[in-house]
């Protein structure tokens, strides 16, 4: 049974899926699934979460879940090699003593 907040504000769907309004927990990814998908260790993903480096996440009680669209958006925002625009060469001058 969902928490009182969900019971009061959203229709509870009693089907096999645990859904509240348009939120279905089956649509979220677990941290293990995300770690496997992006090929990093679970420890790395947890560390990124602590330093706010990785993809956005959702806390459901003590559980950590990821929305697939947040993961995709985060991956799209990462720099990709080979196609970066060329910048003008910056010349540094050494300070004379």
N, C-alpha and C. Protein backbone atom coordinates (compact mmCIF):
# COMPACT_ATOMS: atom_id res chain seq x y z
N UNK A 1 0.84 -1.18 0.00
CA UNK A 1 0.00 0.00 0.00
C UNK A 1 0.89 1.25 0.00
N UNK A 2 0.62 2.23 -0.84
CA UNK A 2 1.46 3.42 -0.89
C UNK A 2 1.28 4.27 0.36
N UNK A 3 2.24 5.18 0.62
CA UNK A 3 2.12 6.06 1.77
C UNK A 3 0.83 6.88 1.70
N UNK A 4 0.43 7.42 2.85
CA UNK A 4 -0.82 8.17 2.94
C UNK A 4 -0.87 9.32 1.93
N UNK A 5 0.26 9.97 1.71
CA UNK A 5 0.31 11.08 0.76
C UNK A 5 -0.16 10.64 -0.62
N UNK A 6 0.33 9.49 -1.07
CA UNK A 6 -0.05 8.99 -2.38
C UNK A 6 -1.51 8.55 -2.40
N UNK A 7 -1.98 7.91 -1.33
CA UNK A 7 -3.38 7.48 -1.27
C UNK A 7 -4.31 8.66 -1.35
N UNK A 8 -3.93 9.77 -0.69
CA UNK A 8 -4.81 10.93 -0.64
C UNK A 8 -4.81 11.71 -1.95
N UNK A 9 -3.69 11.74 -2.66
CA UNK A 9 -3.55 12.62 -3.81
C UNK A 9 -3.57 11.94 -5.18
N UNK A 10 -3.38 10.65 -5.22
CA UNK A 10 -3.32 9.96 -6.51
C UNK A 10 -4.16 8.68 -6.45
N UNK A 11 -4.62 8.29 -7.58
CA UNK A 11 -5.36 7.03 -7.65
C UNK A 11 -4.37 5.88 -7.57
N UNK A 12 -4.63 4.93 -6.72
CA UNK A 12 -3.75 3.78 -6.56
C UNK A 12 -4.21 2.67 -7.49
N UNK A 13 -3.33 2.19 -8.30
CA UNK A 13 -3.63 1.14 -9.26
C UNK A 13 -3.33 -0.21 -8.61
N UNK A 14 -4.31 -1.07 -8.49
CA UNK A 14 -4.14 -2.35 -7.81
C UNK A 14 -3.68 -3.47 -8.74
N UNK A 15 -3.28 -3.13 -9.95
CA UNK A 15 -2.80 -4.16 -10.87
C UNK A 15 -1.43 -4.65 -10.42
N UNK A 16 -0.80 -5.51 -11.22
CA UNK A 16 0.51 -6.02 -10.88
C UNK A 16 1.55 -4.92 -10.77
N UNK A 17 1.46 -3.91 -11.61
CA UNK A 17 2.41 -2.80 -11.54
C UNK A 17 2.07 -1.91 -10.36
N UNK A 18 3.09 -1.41 -9.69
CA UNK A 18 2.88 -0.49 -8.59
C UNK A 18 2.95 0.92 -9.18
N UNK A 19 1.80 1.48 -9.49
CA UNK A 19 1.73 2.77 -10.16
C UNK A 19 0.94 3.76 -9.34
N UNK A 20 1.38 5.00 -9.37
CA UNK A 20 0.66 6.11 -8.77
C UNK A 20 0.54 7.17 -9.84
N UNK A 21 -0.67 7.48 -10.24
CA UNK A 21 -0.91 8.45 -11.32
C UNK A 21 -0.08 8.02 -12.52
N UNK A 22 0.88 8.84 -12.96
CA UNK A 22 1.69 8.50 -14.12
C UNK A 22 3.06 7.97 -13.71
N UNK A 23 3.27 7.74 -12.42
CA UNK A 23 4.56 7.26 -11.92
C UNK A 23 4.49 5.75 -11.73
N UNK A 24 5.25 4.99 -12.49
CA UNK A 24 5.33 3.54 -12.34
C UNK A 24 6.74 3.19 -11.90
N UNK A 25 6.85 2.51 -10.80
CA UNK A 25 8.18 2.17 -10.28
C UNK A 25 8.92 1.24 -11.24
N UNK A 26 8.20 0.47 -12.04
CA UNK A 26 8.85 -0.42 -12.99
C UNK A 26 9.56 0.36 -14.11
N UNK A 27 9.21 1.63 -14.28
CA UNK A 27 9.85 2.45 -15.31
C UNK A 27 11.19 3.00 -14.85
N UNK A 28 11.48 2.94 -13.55
CA UNK A 28 12.73 3.45 -13.02
C UNK A 28 13.80 2.37 -13.06
N UNK A 29 15.05 2.80 -13.13
CA UNK A 29 16.18 1.86 -13.14
C UNK A 29 16.80 1.80 -11.75
N UNK A 30 17.24 0.62 -11.34
CA UNK A 30 17.95 0.48 -10.08
C UNK A 30 19.40 0.95 -10.27
N UNK A 31 20.10 1.15 -9.16
CA UNK A 31 21.49 1.57 -9.29
C UNK A 31 22.34 0.46 -9.92
N UNK A 32 22.01 -0.79 -9.67
CA UNK A 32 22.75 -1.89 -10.30
C UNK A 32 22.54 -1.89 -11.81
N UNK A 33 21.31 -1.64 -12.25
CA UNK A 33 21.03 -1.60 -13.68
C UNK A 33 21.77 -0.45 -14.36
N UNK A 34 21.81 0.70 -13.70
CA UNK A 34 22.50 1.86 -14.27
C UNK A 34 24.00 1.60 -14.33
N UNK A 35 24.57 1.06 -13.25
CA UNK A 35 26.00 0.77 -13.23
C UNK A 35 26.36 -0.20 -14.36
N UNK A 36 25.55 -1.22 -14.56
CA UNK A 36 25.81 -2.19 -15.62
C UNK A 36 25.68 -1.54 -16.99
N UNK A 37 24.67 -0.69 -17.15
CA UNK A 37 24.42 -0.06 -18.45
C UNK A 37 25.54 0.89 -18.86
N UNK A 38 26.07 1.66 -17.90
CA UNK A 38 27.14 2.61 -18.25
C UNK A 38 28.53 2.04 -17.97
N UNK A 39 28.55 0.78 -17.55
CA UNK A 39 29.80 0.03 -17.36
C UNK A 39 30.75 0.67 -16.35
N UNK A 40 30.21 0.99 -15.19
CA UNK A 40 31.03 1.45 -14.07
C UNK A 40 30.65 0.60 -12.86
N UNK A 41 31.50 0.59 -11.87
CA UNK A 41 31.18 -0.18 -10.67
C UNK A 41 30.06 0.49 -9.89
N UNK A 42 29.39 -0.29 -9.10
CA UNK A 42 28.33 0.23 -8.24
C UNK A 42 28.91 1.24 -7.25
N UNK A 43 30.12 0.98 -6.77
CA UNK A 43 30.79 1.90 -5.85
C UNK A 43 31.06 3.25 -6.52
N UNK A 44 31.46 3.23 -7.79
CA UNK A 44 31.70 4.49 -8.51
C UNK A 44 30.42 5.29 -8.65
N UNK A 45 29.34 4.61 -9.01
CA UNK A 45 28.05 5.28 -9.17
C UNK A 45 27.61 5.91 -7.84
N UNK A 46 27.81 5.18 -6.75
CA UNK A 46 27.44 5.72 -5.43
C UNK A 46 28.32 6.91 -5.05
N UNK A 47 29.60 6.82 -5.36
CA UNK A 47 30.52 7.93 -5.07
C UNK A 47 30.13 9.15 -5.89
N UNK A 48 29.80 8.97 -7.16
CA UNK A 48 29.36 10.08 -8.01
C UNK A 48 28.13 10.75 -7.43
N UNK A 49 27.23 9.91 -6.88
CA UNK A 49 26.01 10.46 -6.30
C UNK A 49 26.34 11.34 -5.10
N UNK A 50 27.30 10.93 -4.30
CA UNK A 50 27.70 11.71 -3.12
C UNK A 50 28.31 13.05 -3.50
N UNK A 51 29.07 13.09 -4.57
CA UNK A 51 29.73 14.33 -5.00
C UNK A 51 28.94 15.05 -6.09
N UNK A 52 27.72 14.57 -6.35
CA UNK A 52 26.81 15.17 -7.34
C UNK A 52 27.44 15.25 -8.73
N UNK A 53 28.08 14.16 -9.12
CA UNK A 53 28.75 14.13 -10.42
C UNK A 53 27.97 13.34 -11.46
N UNK A 54 27.27 12.32 -11.07
CA UNK A 54 26.62 11.41 -12.01
C UNK A 54 25.24 11.87 -12.43
N UNK A 55 24.45 10.93 -12.96
CA UNK A 55 23.10 11.27 -13.42
C UNK A 55 22.17 11.60 -12.26
N UNK A 56 21.12 12.35 -12.57
CA UNK A 56 20.11 12.68 -11.55
C UNK A 56 19.49 11.39 -11.05
N UNK A 57 19.09 11.39 -9.79
CA UNK A 57 18.48 10.22 -9.20
C UNK A 57 17.27 10.63 -8.38
N UNK A 58 16.47 9.64 -8.02
CA UNK A 58 15.27 9.86 -7.22
C UNK A 58 15.37 8.96 -6.00
N UNK A 59 15.08 9.51 -4.84
CA UNK A 59 15.03 8.71 -3.62
C UNK A 59 13.58 8.32 -3.37
N UNK A 60 13.33 7.04 -3.21
CA UNK A 60 12.01 6.53 -2.86
C UNK A 60 12.20 5.83 -1.52
N UNK A 61 11.98 6.57 -0.45
CA UNK A 61 12.31 6.05 0.87
C UNK A 61 13.82 5.89 0.95
N UNK A 62 14.27 4.68 1.25
CA UNK A 62 15.70 4.41 1.29
C UNK A 62 16.25 3.97 -0.05
N UNK A 63 15.38 3.74 -1.03
CA UNK A 63 15.80 3.25 -2.35
C UNK A 63 16.28 4.39 -3.23
N UNK A 64 17.23 4.10 -4.08
CA UNK A 64 17.71 5.04 -5.08
C UNK A 64 17.29 4.52 -6.44
N UNK A 65 16.66 5.37 -7.22
CA UNK A 65 16.21 4.99 -8.55
C UNK A 65 16.59 6.07 -9.55
N UNK A 66 16.69 5.66 -10.81
CA UNK A 66 17.07 6.57 -11.88
C UNK A 66 16.00 6.54 -12.96
N UNK A 67 15.63 7.70 -13.46
CA UNK A 67 14.71 7.77 -14.60
C UNK A 67 15.54 7.54 -15.87
N UNK A 68 15.06 6.70 -16.79
CA UNK A 68 15.81 6.45 -18.02
C UNK A 68 16.10 7.75 -18.79
N UNK A 69 15.14 8.68 -18.82
CA UNK A 69 15.37 9.93 -19.56
C UNK A 69 16.44 10.80 -18.89
N UNK A 70 16.56 10.75 -17.55
CA UNK A 70 17.62 11.49 -16.86
C UNK A 70 18.99 10.90 -17.18
N UNK A 71 19.05 9.56 -17.23
CA UNK A 71 20.30 8.89 -17.58
C UNK A 71 20.72 9.23 -19.00
N UNK A 72 19.77 9.21 -19.92
CA UNK A 72 20.07 9.54 -21.32
C UNK A 72 20.53 10.99 -21.46
N UNK A 73 19.86 11.90 -20.75
CA UNK A 73 20.24 13.31 -20.81
C UNK A 73 21.64 13.52 -20.24
N UNK A 74 21.96 12.84 -19.15
CA UNK A 74 23.30 12.97 -18.55
C UNK A 74 24.36 12.44 -19.51
N UNK A 75 24.08 11.29 -20.15
CA UNK A 75 25.05 10.72 -21.08
C UNK A 75 25.25 11.63 -22.30
N UNK A 76 24.17 12.27 -22.76
CA UNK A 76 24.28 13.19 -23.89
C UNK A 76 25.09 14.44 -23.52
N UNK A 77 25.10 14.80 -22.25
CA UNK A 77 25.82 16.01 -21.83
C UNK A 77 27.32 15.77 -21.64
N UNK A 78 27.75 14.51 -21.64
CA UNK A 78 29.17 14.20 -21.47
C UNK A 78 29.93 14.57 -22.74
N UNK A 79 31.17 15.02 -22.56
CA UNK A 79 31.97 15.36 -23.75
C UNK A 79 32.29 14.11 -24.56
N UNK A 80 32.29 14.28 -25.86
CA UNK A 80 32.63 13.18 -26.77
C UNK A 80 33.90 13.55 -27.52
N UNK A 81 34.77 12.60 -27.73
CA UNK A 81 36.03 12.86 -28.40
C UNK A 81 35.90 12.91 -29.90
N UNK A 82 36.81 13.65 -30.52
CA UNK A 82 36.91 13.64 -31.96
C UNK A 82 36.09 14.68 -32.69
N UNK A 83 35.00 15.15 -32.13
CA UNK A 83 34.14 16.07 -32.86
C UNK A 83 34.08 17.46 -32.23
N UNK A 84 34.98 17.74 -31.31
CA UNK A 84 34.97 19.04 -30.63
C UNK A 84 35.39 20.13 -31.61
N UNK A 85 34.78 21.30 -31.52
CA UNK A 85 35.17 22.40 -32.41
C UNK A 85 36.61 22.83 -32.12
N UNK A 86 37.28 23.24 -33.17
CA UNK A 86 38.67 23.68 -33.03
C UNK A 86 38.72 25.07 -32.41
N UNK A 87 39.57 25.23 -31.41
CA UNK A 87 39.77 26.52 -30.78
C UNK A 87 41.08 27.12 -31.28
N UNK A 88 41.14 28.43 -31.28
CA UNK A 88 42.38 29.07 -31.69
C UNK A 88 43.46 28.73 -30.67
N UNK A 89 44.66 28.60 -31.17
CA UNK A 89 45.78 28.28 -30.31
C UNK A 89 46.04 29.44 -29.35
N UNK A 90 46.15 29.11 -28.11
CA UNK A 90 46.44 30.12 -27.10
C UNK A 90 47.92 30.07 -26.80
N UNK A 91 48.58 31.22 -26.91
CA UNK A 91 50.01 31.26 -26.63
C UNK A 91 50.22 31.86 -25.25
N UNK A 92 51.02 31.19 -24.49
CA UNK A 92 51.33 31.66 -23.15
C UNK A 92 52.71 32.29 -23.15
N UNK A 93 52.80 33.42 -22.52
CA UNK A 93 54.10 34.07 -22.40
C UNK A 93 54.63 33.84 -21.00
N UNK A 94 55.88 33.52 -20.92
CA UNK A 94 56.50 33.34 -19.61
C UNK A 94 56.79 34.71 -19.02
N UNK A 95 56.54 34.84 -17.76
CA UNK A 95 56.83 36.10 -17.10
C UNK A 95 58.35 36.28 -17.01
N UNK A 96 58.82 37.45 -17.41
CA UNK A 96 60.27 37.69 -17.35
C UNK A 96 60.66 38.05 -15.94
N UNK A 97 61.81 37.62 -15.57
CA UNK A 97 62.27 37.85 -14.19
C UNK A 97 63.00 39.12 -14.09
